[in-house]
Protein backbone atom coordinates (compact mmCIF):
# COMPACT_ATOMS: atom_id res chain seq x y z
CA MET A 1 47.87 179.96 49.97
CA ASP A 2 45.49 177.95 47.80
CA MET A 3 46.40 174.86 49.81
CA LEU A 4 45.04 176.48 52.99
CA ILE A 5 41.65 177.57 51.70
CA LYS A 6 39.98 174.36 52.91
CA LEU A 7 41.63 174.56 56.34
CA ARG A 8 39.18 173.89 59.18
CA TYR A 9 41.42 173.90 62.27
CA LEU A 10 44.16 176.46 63.04
CA ASP A 11 45.67 176.59 66.54
CA LEU A 12 48.36 179.25 67.05
CA GLU A 13 47.66 179.87 70.74
CA ASN A 14 51.13 178.77 71.85
CA VAL A 15 53.04 180.29 68.95
CA PHE A 16 54.51 183.16 70.95
CA THR A 17 56.86 184.20 68.15
CA LEU A 18 53.87 185.30 66.05
CA LYS A 19 54.28 189.04 65.48
CA ASP A 20 51.65 189.84 62.89
CA ILE A 21 48.56 188.54 61.12
CA PRO A 22 48.87 189.53 57.45
CA THR A 23 45.92 191.63 56.34
CA GLY A 24 43.65 189.69 54.03
CA LEU A 25 44.76 186.25 55.21
CA LEU A 26 41.92 185.31 57.55
CA PRO A 27 39.05 186.29 55.20
CA LYS A 28 40.28 183.66 52.75
CA LEU A 29 40.03 180.84 55.28
CA VAL A 30 36.26 180.66 55.00
CA HIS A 31 36.06 177.00 56.10
CA LEU A 32 37.70 177.59 59.48
CA GLN A 33 35.79 176.13 62.41
CA HIS A 34 38.47 176.41 65.10
CA LEU A 35 40.84 179.40 65.38
CA SER A 36 43.18 180.18 68.28
CA PHE A 37 45.69 183.00 68.76
CA PRO A 38 47.81 183.96 71.78
CA VAL A 39 46.11 186.33 74.20
CA CYS A 40 48.93 188.49 75.49
CA LYS A 41 50.35 191.96 75.17
CA GLU A 42 52.86 191.54 72.38
CA LYS A 43 50.61 189.54 70.06
CA PRO A 44 48.52 190.97 67.23
CA GLY A 45 44.94 191.93 67.96
CA LEU A 46 42.02 190.60 65.96
CA LYS A 47 40.05 192.91 63.68
CA ALA A 48 36.32 192.48 63.14
CA GLU A 49 36.53 193.12 59.40
CA GLU A 50 38.99 190.26 59.00
CA MET A 51 36.85 187.91 61.10
CA GLU A 52 33.46 188.67 59.55
CA PRO A 53 33.79 186.28 56.54
CA LEU A 54 34.43 183.28 58.81
CA LYS A 55 30.80 182.16 58.92
CA LYS A 56 31.60 178.58 59.93
CA LEU A 57 33.69 179.52 62.95
CA GLU A 58 32.65 177.65 66.12
CA CYS A 59 35.65 177.97 68.46
CA LEU A 60 37.70 181.15 68.89
CA THR A 61 40.49 182.23 71.23
CA GLY A 62 42.12 185.61 70.79
CA SER A 63 42.47 189.23 71.79
CA PHE A 64 40.85 192.19 70.05
CA GLU A 65 42.69 195.46 69.55
CA ASP A 66 40.12 197.52 71.44
CA ILE A 67 36.49 197.69 72.58
CA SER A 68 35.37 199.01 69.20
CA GLU A 69 36.73 196.00 67.32
CA PHE A 70 35.25 193.65 69.90
CA ASN A 71 31.82 195.28 69.54
CA LYS A 72 31.94 195.09 65.75
CA PHE A 73 32.75 191.40 65.85
CA ILE A 74 29.97 190.57 68.31
CA SER A 75 27.52 192.69 66.33
CA SER A 76 28.33 190.90 63.08
CA MET A 77 27.99 187.55 64.83
CA GLN A 78 24.57 188.50 66.18
CA GLN A 79 23.40 189.82 62.82
CA SER A 80 24.34 186.56 61.13
CA LYS A 81 22.62 184.66 64.00
CA LYS A 82 25.79 182.67 64.49
CA ASN A 83 26.91 181.68 67.99
CA LEU A 84 30.32 180.44 69.02
CA ILE A 85 30.29 177.09 70.81
CA LYS A 86 33.57 177.71 72.66
CA TYR A 87 35.45 180.95 73.11
CA HIS A 88 37.83 183.01 75.19
CA LEU A 89 37.69 186.56 73.89
CA GLN A 90 39.82 189.27 75.39
CA VAL A 91 40.11 193.05 75.20
CA SER A 92 43.36 193.49 77.00
CA SER A 93 47.00 194.43 77.10
CA TYR A 94 47.78 191.60 79.51
CA ASN A 95 48.03 187.85 79.31
CA LEU A 96 45.40 186.45 81.65
CA VAL A 97 45.15 182.68 81.59
CA CYS A 98 41.54 181.57 82.03
CA GLY A 99 40.78 177.88 81.86
CA ARG A 100 37.05 178.20 81.28
CA ASP A 101 35.25 178.23 77.95
CA LYS A 102 32.78 180.99 77.08
CA THR A 103 34.92 183.61 78.78
CA ILE A 104 35.15 187.36 78.22
CA THR A 105 38.16 189.22 79.66
CA ILE A 106 38.44 193.01 79.63
CA VAL A 107 41.56 194.62 81.08
CA GLY A 108 42.89 198.16 81.21
CA VAL A 109 40.14 199.88 79.23
CA ASP A 110 40.42 203.61 79.99
CA ASN A 111 37.87 205.02 77.58
CA TRP A 112 34.95 203.06 79.03
CA GLU A 113 32.14 205.60 79.32
CA GLY A 114 29.58 205.37 76.53
CA GLU A 115 30.95 202.14 75.08
CA LEU A 116 28.42 199.38 74.47
CA ILE A 117 29.58 195.90 75.30
CA MET A 118 27.54 193.24 73.53
CA HIS A 119 28.20 189.85 75.06
CA PRO A 120 28.02 186.62 73.14
CA ILE A 121 25.07 184.55 74.19
CA GLU A 122 25.72 182.10 77.01
CA ILE A 123 28.72 183.86 78.52
CA GLN A 124 29.81 181.86 81.58
CA LYS A 125 32.79 183.79 82.91
CA LEU A 126 33.37 187.54 82.96
CA ASN A 127 36.72 189.03 84.03
CA ILE A 128 37.10 192.79 84.37
CA HIS A 129 40.45 194.14 85.54
CA GLU A 130 41.91 197.64 85.90
CA CYS A 131 39.12 199.63 84.24
CA ASP A 132 39.40 202.87 86.16
CA TYR A 133 36.06 204.48 85.28
CA LEU A 134 33.64 201.58 85.67
CA ARG A 135 31.12 202.43 88.42
CA SER A 136 28.74 199.46 88.13
CA LEU A 137 27.98 196.60 85.79
CA VAL A 138 24.35 197.57 85.29
CA ASP A 139 23.02 201.13 85.48
CA ASP A 140 21.55 203.69 83.10
CA ASN A 141 24.99 204.72 81.85
CA SER A 142 26.79 201.41 82.05
CA SER A 143 28.27 199.45 79.20
CA PHE A 144 26.42 196.45 80.66
CA LYS A 145 22.95 198.03 80.79
CA ASN A 146 21.57 195.18 78.69
CA ALA A 147 21.50 193.01 81.81
CA ILE A 148 19.96 189.95 80.19
CA ASP A 149 23.42 189.19 78.78
CA LEU A 150 24.43 188.20 82.31
CA ARG A 151 21.58 185.78 82.85
CA ILE A 152 23.63 182.56 82.79
CA LEU A 153 26.94 183.96 83.96
CA LYS A 154 28.59 181.48 86.35
CA VAL A 155 31.81 183.24 87.40
CA LEU A 156 32.38 186.96 87.94
CA GLU A 157 35.87 188.32 88.66
CA LEU A 158 36.34 192.03 89.34
CA TYR A 159 39.87 193.24 90.08
CA ASP A 160 41.34 196.72 90.60
CA LEU A 161 38.25 198.79 89.78
CA PRO A 162 38.69 201.93 91.91
CA GLU A 163 35.35 203.55 90.97
CA LEU A 164 33.16 200.45 91.22
CA SER A 165 30.57 201.11 93.93
CA ALA A 166 27.87 198.53 93.08
CA LEU A 167 27.28 195.52 90.88
CA ILE A 168 23.83 196.79 89.90
CA MET A 169 22.26 200.18 90.52
CA LYS A 170 18.79 199.62 91.93
CA ASP A 171 17.12 202.33 89.86
CA VAL A 172 17.53 200.35 86.62
CA GLY A 173 14.78 198.01 87.78
CA ILE A 174 16.66 194.83 88.57
CA GLY A 175 15.25 193.58 91.84
CA SER A 176 13.32 196.78 92.50
CA ALA A 177 9.80 198.01 92.03
CA THR A 178 10.62 200.05 88.95
CA THR A 179 9.82 198.69 85.52
CA SER A 180 12.46 196.64 83.76
CA PRO A 181 12.26 195.11 80.27
CA PHE A 182 13.81 191.93 81.68
CA ALA A 183 12.66 189.59 84.41
CA PRO A 184 14.32 190.64 87.70
CA SER A 185 15.39 187.05 88.31
CA ALA A 186 17.41 186.89 85.08
CA THR A 187 20.55 188.84 85.95
CA PHE A 188 23.10 186.71 87.86
CA SER A 189 20.51 183.96 88.36
CA HIS A 190 23.12 181.27 87.53
CA LEU A 191 26.08 182.97 89.21
CA LYS A 192 28.10 180.52 91.33
CA GLN A 193 31.32 182.38 92.15
CA ILE A 194 32.09 186.02 92.72
CA PHE A 195 35.58 187.44 93.30
CA ILE A 196 35.94 191.10 94.31
CA VAL A 197 39.54 192.31 94.75
CA ARG A 198 40.84 195.86 95.31
CA CYS A 199 37.59 197.63 94.45
CA SER A 200 38.13 200.57 96.77
CA SER A 201 34.78 202.37 96.37
CA MET A 202 32.49 199.51 97.40
CA LYS A 203 30.90 199.74 100.84
CA THR A 204 28.25 197.02 100.56
CA LEU A 205 28.91 194.02 98.37
CA LEU A 206 25.45 192.46 97.97
CA PRO A 207 22.31 194.46 98.82
CA HIS A 208 19.33 192.60 100.26
CA TRP A 209 17.10 193.38 97.27
CA LEU A 210 19.55 191.63 94.92
CA LEU A 211 19.68 188.33 96.82
CA PRO A 212 16.63 186.77 95.09
CA ASN A 213 18.77 186.84 91.93
CA LEU A 214 21.63 185.01 93.66
CA GLN A 215 20.00 181.79 94.80
CA ASN A 216 22.66 179.69 93.04
CA LEU A 217 25.64 181.57 94.48
CA GLU A 218 28.16 179.15 96.05
CA GLU A 219 31.33 181.17 96.76
CA ILE A 220 32.05 184.77 97.74
CA TRP A 221 35.65 186.00 97.88
CA VAL A 222 36.33 189.60 98.94
CA ARG A 223 39.89 190.86 99.27
CA GLU A 224 41.63 194.19 99.87
CA CYS A 225 38.57 196.40 99.41
CA ASP A 226 39.38 199.26 101.78
CA GLU A 227 35.89 200.80 102.06
CA VAL A 228 33.77 197.66 102.46
CA VAL A 229 31.72 197.96 105.66
CA GLU A 230 29.39 194.98 105.22
CA ILE A 231 29.05 192.06 102.84
CA LEU A 232 25.25 191.68 102.93
CA GLY A 233 23.45 194.98 103.36
CA ALA A 234 19.93 196.34 103.72
CA GLU A 235 18.93 199.91 102.97
CA THR A 236 17.98 202.16 105.88
CA SER A 237 14.46 202.53 104.49
CA GLU A 238 14.01 198.75 104.48
CA VAL A 239 15.15 198.46 108.09
CA GLU A 240 12.81 201.27 109.15
CA GLU A 241 9.90 199.73 107.26
CA LYS A 242 10.31 196.36 109.01
CA GLY A 243 10.80 197.95 112.41
CA SER A 244 13.75 197.97 114.76
CA ASP A 245 12.91 194.57 116.25
CA ALA A 246 12.30 192.77 112.97
CA LEU A 247 14.87 190.44 111.49
CA ILE A 248 16.07 190.82 107.92
CA LYS A 249 16.91 187.43 106.45
CA PHE A 250 19.75 187.14 103.96
CA HIS A 251 18.82 183.96 102.12
CA LEU A 252 21.62 182.28 100.12
CA PRO A 253 20.68 178.59 100.18
CA LYS A 254 23.65 177.29 98.15
CA LEU A 255 26.43 179.42 99.61
CA ARG A 256 29.34 177.18 100.65
CA VAL A 257 32.35 179.48 101.02
CA LEU A 258 32.78 183.03 102.30
CA GLU A 259 36.37 184.30 102.38
CA LEU A 260 37.29 187.76 103.67
CA PHE A 261 40.80 189.19 103.57
CA GLY A 262 42.29 192.65 103.98
CA LEU A 263 39.06 194.55 104.68
CA PRO A 264 40.14 197.19 107.21
CA ASN A 265 36.69 198.82 107.55
CA LEU A 266 34.56 195.68 107.58
CA LYS A 267 32.32 195.84 110.66
CA SER A 268 29.83 193.08 109.97
CA ILE A 269 28.87 190.43 107.46
CA CYS A 270 25.19 191.40 107.61
CA SER A 271 23.45 194.69 108.24
CA LYS A 272 22.04 195.46 111.67
CA SER A 273 19.14 193.13 112.51
CA GLY A 274 20.28 190.81 109.73
CA VAL A 275 20.52 187.02 109.96
CA MET A 276 22.09 184.64 107.47
CA VAL A 277 19.97 181.82 106.05
CA CYS A 278 22.74 179.70 104.56
CA ASP A 279 22.27 176.05 105.46
CA SER A 280 24.87 174.91 102.90
CA LEU A 281 27.65 177.07 104.32
CA GLN A 282 30.83 175.04 104.91
CA LEU A 283 33.55 177.65 105.42
CA ILE A 284 33.84 181.19 106.71
CA SER A 285 37.43 182.40 106.45
CA VAL A 286 38.30 185.71 108.12
CA MET A 287 41.95 186.39 107.41
CA ALA A 288 44.42 189.17 108.14
CA GLY A 289 43.35 192.78 107.87
CA CYS A 290 39.73 192.51 109.06
CA TYR A 291 40.44 194.12 112.42
CA LYS A 292 37.11 195.93 112.86
CA LEU A 293 35.02 192.78 112.48
CA LYS A 294 33.76 192.04 116.00
CA LYS A 295 31.46 189.12 115.29
CA ILE A 296 29.89 187.02 112.59
CA SER A 297 26.22 187.71 112.02
CA PRO A 298 23.79 185.16 113.47
CA PHE A 299 22.27 182.38 111.41
CA ALA A 300 18.65 181.36 111.00
CA PRO A 301 17.47 177.93 109.83
CA LEU A 302 15.55 177.45 106.62
CA VAL A 303 12.95 175.43 108.51
CA GLY A 304 12.42 175.88 112.23
CA ASN A 305 10.12 177.02 114.95
CA GLY A 306 10.25 180.64 113.87
CA GLN A 307 12.41 181.70 116.78
CA PRO A 308 15.22 184.16 115.89
CA PHE A 309 17.94 182.31 117.76
CA ALA A 310 21.47 181.76 116.60
CA TYR A 311 21.93 178.81 114.29
CA ALA A 312 25.11 177.57 112.67
CA PRO A 313 25.05 175.01 109.86
CA PRO A 314 26.37 171.71 111.30
CA SER A 315 29.15 171.35 108.73
CA LEU A 316 30.46 174.91 109.12
CA THR A 317 34.18 175.55 109.64
CA ILE A 318 35.26 179.00 110.81
CA ARG A 319 38.85 180.04 110.18
CA VAL A 320 39.88 183.18 111.98
CA GLN A 321 43.08 185.17 111.77
CA LEU A 322 42.66 188.22 113.94
CA GLY A 323 44.97 190.21 116.14
CA PHE A 324 44.62 190.36 119.90
CA PRO A 325 42.41 191.58 121.60
CA THR A 326 39.82 191.41 118.82
CA LEU A 327 40.19 187.65 118.66
CA ALA A 328 39.00 187.12 122.23
CA HIS A 329 36.02 189.40 121.73
CA PHE A 330 35.17 187.62 118.48
CA LEU A 331 35.14 184.19 120.09
CA GLU A 332 33.15 185.36 123.09
CA SER A 333 30.49 187.00 120.96
CA GLN A 334 30.23 184.06 118.58
CA HIS A 335 30.09 181.11 120.95
CA PRO A 336 28.90 182.12 124.41
CA LEU A 337 28.20 179.37 126.93
CA GLU A 338 24.51 178.67 126.47
CA THR A 339 22.25 175.94 127.74
CA SER A 340 19.07 177.08 126.02
CA ARG A 341 17.61 174.51 123.67
CA SER A 342 16.84 177.34 121.26
CA VAL A 343 20.52 177.74 120.47
CA SER A 344 21.94 175.02 118.26
CA PRO A 345 25.43 173.58 118.74
CA ALA A 346 28.50 175.49 117.70
CA PRO A 347 30.05 174.83 114.29
CA GLU A 348 31.71 171.48 113.80
CA THR A 349 35.19 172.97 113.41
CA MET A 350 36.89 176.23 114.32
CA ALA A 351 40.46 176.85 113.20
CA ILE A 352 42.14 179.86 114.78
CA ASN A 353 45.36 181.37 113.50
CA GLU A 354 46.41 184.30 115.62
CA ALA A 355 48.08 187.09 113.68
CA CYS A 356 50.10 190.00 114.93
CA PRO A 357 48.04 193.02 116.01
CA PRO A 358 47.86 195.87 113.48
CA HIS A 359 50.57 198.48 113.76
């Protein structure tokens, strides 16, 4: 053991035969800078008390036994003002392979209510899977109420969260008129990719008031969310305030990809009277299971003559997989024969894959 005291690098991530971490071993390796363990169900979980003496640690991969141990570790790291340079930390009973550094993965946490999750600074990817009682990421009762922790998040993956109804509840002050201790533009301001899969309580993915926070968003993937009615939504009060004839602009200047799959109640991408301002958009993919979607919301240019006419980004490809007769209606509503100069040309490419009608 004395020969290992000066050890600086220990990588056991692929040692799948490892069954246990002897108590008292890690605290003796005080010079460790890099430490990696397997992150899968059968492997031993890390304990905060064992990790606390490792003051020189810079890179860490491993799974904690539970939320409590995870919190204790993050708390001790914050108290010592020590930040990890690279990490993939997991609270999970599953092996989820994530190739990105500065990643937090939380899977299968049942006792979620009341738990405080304290993220390491500069988290870039957050994965949450199969947490049955999570209703939103940021609200007055959420484990993620301290929203500034999400300020430079780049990738958000939410899978199998049956109670999740919103990313952020408006009444906490993010993007609303109520007072918030953090700048409204902080939360999600660096988010580039969002994946929402099998979150059966969501009806609107991104509310209009949240979009100013999402100006760097590049990709939206929504799959198998049974209750989703619209992707970009505006509250009834906002529509009434602007008037029935006013347009509501959904401004996502860097959005490149929008993929929709298995959304049986999806009726529109934008709310009524909504137009998309997405000049960077390259692909809209509407795949099987979106049988109620009759048309794609109109576009509006970033710079133009102010006229609310349809506008499609010149590089846009639309891929459609819809059952007959919805397909014909979709095409007719999207690209009518027009000669008006106010209507710009149709998208550069349209790929159509006809699927069987729903049974």
